Protein backbone atom coordinates (compact mmCIF):
# COMPACT_ATOMS: atom_id res chain seq x y z
CA MET A 1 86.21 28.43 31.31
CA LYS A 2 88.76 28.11 34.13
CA ASN A 3 91.55 27.67 31.58
CA ALA A 4 90.47 30.84 29.81
CA GLN A 5 90.41 32.78 33.09
CA ASP A 6 93.87 31.50 34.02
CA PHE A 7 95.19 32.50 30.61
CA LEU A 8 93.79 36.03 30.82
CA SER A 9 95.10 36.40 34.37
CA SER A 10 98.59 35.47 33.19
CA LEU A 11 98.42 38.02 30.40
CA LEU A 12 97.34 40.75 32.82
CA ILE A 13 100.21 39.92 35.17
CA THR A 14 102.63 40.07 32.23
CA LEU A 15 101.25 43.47 31.21
CA VAL A 16 101.73 44.83 34.74
CA ILE A 17 105.32 43.56 34.83
CA MET A 18 106.09 45.14 31.45
CA THR A 19 104.60 48.42 32.67
CA ILE A 20 106.79 48.45 35.77
CA LEU A 21 109.91 47.62 33.78
CA SER A 22 109.18 50.39 31.28
CA ILE A 23 108.47 53.25 33.70
CA ASN A 24 112.11 54.39 33.89
CA SER A 25 112.91 53.81 30.22
CA SER A 26 113.36 56.95 28.14
CA ALA A 27 113.33 55.08 24.81
CA GLN A 28 109.79 54.47 23.61
CA ASP A 29 108.26 52.27 20.93
CA LYS A 30 110.77 49.43 21.12
CA GLY A 31 107.92 47.00 20.83
CA GLU A 32 104.55 46.04 22.24
CA ILE A 33 102.71 43.41 24.22
CA SER A 34 99.07 42.60 23.43
CA PHE A 35 96.24 40.55 24.77
CA TYR A 36 92.94 40.09 22.98
CA SER A 37 90.06 37.72 22.32
CA GLY A 38 87.27 37.19 19.85
CA TYR A 39 85.51 34.48 17.87
CA GLN A 40 87.17 31.74 15.82
CA MET A 41 85.27 30.03 13.00
CA LEU A 42 85.50 27.25 10.43
CA GLY A 43 87.88 24.34 10.88
CA GLY A 44 85.91 21.73 8.97
CA VAL A 45 87.52 19.16 6.69
CA ASN A 46 86.56 15.95 4.91
CA VAL A 47 88.49 12.99 6.29
CA TYR A 48 89.02 9.42 5.25
CA GLN A 49 90.75 6.28 6.49
CA GLY A 50 90.21 3.11 4.48
CA VAL A 51 86.47 2.48 4.26
CA ILE A 52 85.72 5.16 6.87
CA ASP A 53 85.00 8.67 5.69
CA GLY A 54 83.10 11.68 6.96
CA HIS A 55 83.40 15.28 8.06
CA LEU A 56 85.61 16.46 10.92
CA ASP A 57 84.67 19.83 12.38
CA ILE A 58 86.31 22.09 14.95
CA ASN A 59 83.27 23.87 16.36
CA ASP A 60 83.16 27.69 16.28
CA ALA A 61 84.05 29.19 19.67
CA ALA A 62 85.71 32.09 21.45
CA PHE A 63 89.51 32.33 21.44
CA TYR A 64 92.07 34.02 23.69
CA SER A 65 95.43 35.24 22.49
CA GLY A 66 98.53 37.10 23.55
CA SER A 67 101.56 38.35 21.66
CA ILE A 68 104.80 40.22 22.18
CA GLY A 69 106.66 42.07 19.45
CA ILE A 70 110.05 43.75 19.08
CA ARG A 71 110.45 46.59 16.61
CA ILE A 72 113.42 46.18 14.25
CA ARG A 73 112.49 49.08 11.94
CA PRO A 74 110.01 51.95 12.36
CA GLU A 75 107.45 50.06 10.26
CA VAL A 76 108.40 46.42 10.99
CA LEU A 77 107.68 44.40 14.13
CA LEU A 78 108.88 40.85 14.84
CA GLU A 79 106.17 39.10 16.82
CA ILE A 80 105.49 35.88 18.74
CA GLN A 81 101.84 34.90 19.28
CA TYR A 82 100.06 32.25 21.32
CA LEU A 83 96.38 31.50 20.66
CA TYR A 84 94.08 29.25 22.68
CA GLN A 85 90.56 28.12 21.70
CA PRO A 86 88.57 25.84 24.06
CA THR A 87 85.95 24.12 21.93
CA LYS A 88 84.51 20.80 20.75
CA VAL A 89 85.51 18.58 17.84
CA SER A 90 82.88 16.50 16.07
CA PHE A 91 83.14 13.71 13.51
CA ASP A 92 80.09 13.04 11.34
CA PRO A 93 80.62 9.86 9.30
CA ASN A 94 79.21 8.99 5.93
CA GLY A 95 77.34 5.72 5.96
CA PRO A 96 75.94 3.65 8.84
CA THR A 97 79.19 3.28 10.85
CA PRO A 98 80.86 4.58 12.88
CA GLU A 99 78.41 6.69 14.90
CA PHE A 100 78.58 10.46 15.26
CA VAL A 101 81.25 11.43 17.81
CA ALA A 102 81.78 14.74 19.62
CA PHE A 103 84.32 15.56 22.34
CA ASN A 104 85.89 18.51 24.11
CA ALA A 105 89.21 19.73 22.73
CA ASP A 106 91.59 22.67 23.00
CA VAL A 107 93.08 24.26 19.88
CA HIS A 108 96.52 25.86 20.23
CA TYR A 109 98.61 27.99 17.87
CA ILE A 110 102.19 29.09 18.53
CA LEU A 111 103.33 31.42 15.75
CA ALA A 112 106.26 33.73 15.02
CA GLY A 113 106.53 36.20 12.18
CA ALA A 114 106.80 39.77 10.95
CA ARG A 115 104.24 42.55 10.82
CA TYR A 116 104.35 45.61 8.55
CA GLU A 117 102.67 48.78 9.84
CA LYS A 118 101.45 51.91 8.06
CA SER A 119 100.40 55.02 10.01
CA PHE A 120 97.18 56.74 8.93
CA SER A 121 97.38 59.50 11.55
CA GLN A 122 99.06 60.25 14.86
CA THR A 123 96.76 57.78 16.63
CA ALA A 124 95.71 55.24 13.95
CA THR A 125 97.87 52.57 12.30
CA GLY A 126 97.01 49.74 9.94
CA TYR A 127 99.03 46.54 9.74
CA GLY A 128 99.40 43.20 8.03
CA GLY A 129 101.60 40.23 8.80
CA LEU A 130 102.70 36.70 8.01
CA SER A 131 103.66 34.13 10.65
CA ILE A 132 104.66 30.47 10.81
CA GLY A 133 104.73 27.94 13.61
CA THR A 134 102.68 25.03 14.89
CA ALA A 135 99.03 24.21 15.52
CA GLY A 136 97.60 21.53 17.74
CA VAL A 137 94.27 19.96 18.64
CA VAL A 138 94.46 18.50 22.13
CA PRO A 139 91.31 16.46 22.89
CA ASP A 140 90.11 14.92 26.15
CA ALA A 141 92.30 12.33 27.81
CA ASN A 142 90.62 9.48 25.89
CA PHE A 143 91.80 10.83 22.54
CA ASP A 144 95.17 11.43 20.91
CA PRO A 145 96.40 15.00 20.20
CA ALA A 146 97.53 16.09 16.73
CA TRP A 147 100.15 18.79 16.05
CA ARG A 148 101.06 20.17 12.62
CA PHE A 149 103.05 22.93 10.93
CA ALA A 150 100.90 26.04 10.39
CA PHE A 151 101.03 29.57 9.09
CA GLY A 152 98.86 32.62 9.63
CA LEU A 153 97.89 35.81 7.79
CA THR A 154 96.85 38.85 9.81
CA VAL A 155 95.30 42.23 8.99
CA GLY A 156 94.21 44.82 11.49
CA ALA A 157 94.32 48.32 12.89
CA LYS A 158 95.36 49.84 16.18
CA PHE A 159 94.45 53.11 17.87
CA MET A 160 96.47 54.82 20.57
CA MET A 161 94.44 55.92 23.60
CA SER A 162 97.44 57.30 25.50
CA ASP A 163 101.21 57.44 25.09
CA ASN A 164 101.52 53.70 25.83
CA ILE A 165 98.08 52.08 25.81
CA GLY A 166 96.09 51.36 22.67
CA LEU A 167 93.17 49.42 21.22
CA LYS A 168 93.70 46.75 18.58
CA ILE A 169 91.18 45.12 16.21
CA GLN A 170 92.17 42.42 13.74
CA ALA A 171 91.21 39.46 11.58
CA GLN A 172 93.36 36.39 11.09
CA GLY A 173 93.45 33.40 8.80
CA LEU A 174 95.07 30.27 10.26
CA PHE A 175 96.21 27.38 8.08
CA PRO A 176 97.46 24.11 9.61
CA ILE A 177 99.31 22.32 6.81
CA GLN A 178 98.69 18.65 6.17
CA TRP A 179 96.75 17.81 9.26
CA ALA A 180 96.49 14.66 7.18
CA GLY A 181 98.52 11.76 8.43
CA GLY A 182 97.74 12.44 12.07
CA SER A 183 96.04 9.75 14.09
CA LEU A 184 93.15 11.67 15.61
CA TYR A 185 91.31 8.82 17.29
CA VAL A 186 87.53 8.85 17.42
CA GLY A 187 85.40 6.27 19.13
CA THR A 188 83.64 5.28 22.33
CA GLY A 189 84.03 2.38 24.71
CA GLY A 190 86.43 -0.24 23.43
CA ALA A 191 86.16 0.55 19.74
CA GLY A 192 87.46 3.42 17.67
CA TYR A 193 88.84 4.56 14.36
CA GLY A 194 91.94 6.46 13.35
CA ILE A 195 91.22 9.12 10.75
CA SER A 196 93.41 11.34 8.58
CA ALA A 197 92.46 14.45 6.69
CA GLY A 198 92.43 14.65 2.93
CA THR A 199 92.95 18.44 2.87
CA SER A 200 94.30 21.07 5.20
CA ILE A 201 92.13 22.75 7.82
CA VAL A 202 91.42 26.49 7.60
CA GLN A 203 90.26 28.67 10.50
CA ILE A 204 89.55 32.38 10.64
CA ASN A 205 89.00 34.67 13.59
CA VAL A 206 88.03 38.24 14.35
CA GLY A 207 88.68 40.00 17.62
CA GLY A 208 90.17 42.87 19.50
CA GLY A 209 91.87 43.88 22.70
CA LEU A 210 94.48 46.10 24.29
CA PHE A 211 98.20 46.54 23.70
CA TYR A 212 101.00 48.26 25.59
CA ALA A 213 103.78 49.99 23.64
CA PHE A 214 107.15 50.02 25.43
């Protein structure tokens, strides 16, 4: 929880700085900065390594995210996003060995992409976007992290509450590609097993938050 609080505090500080820098600017709608949270789900995949096979699952949990975008056309925004999900990862094997293993882990996404927006009214706008980047599962110190190429698909809507401040709601699909081949180590004590995924992991999230248009 402390990591989540630190993350949200950093986003709030960034928002305040952007507000101060934008006070004297006469040009509006150059871009926006957002911070939001919600619930992230799925993340299960069948894994295998030699005679060992089972199900690896990133447990559903809250996520925290921030993004900054620069407008290159009235309807197109280039955006960079960071997403953080503190959760647990569990491995449930098939057969008598190894035993069920669960451990704390942080899930990270760093994505960059483009977002297309369509205004419905003076205050409401819908949007969709595609982004690419990297995804990582960083377990406790006793386990090895795994990072992979990833892409994301986003749909959402935003509603202006003032000239600069608005509310955003969105859903996102996140797709780490070929998490297979990583050596995510599971085990306890002096024994363990390296496992690799047979298919890619898929996560989805829904959430909302605030954004500042500058």
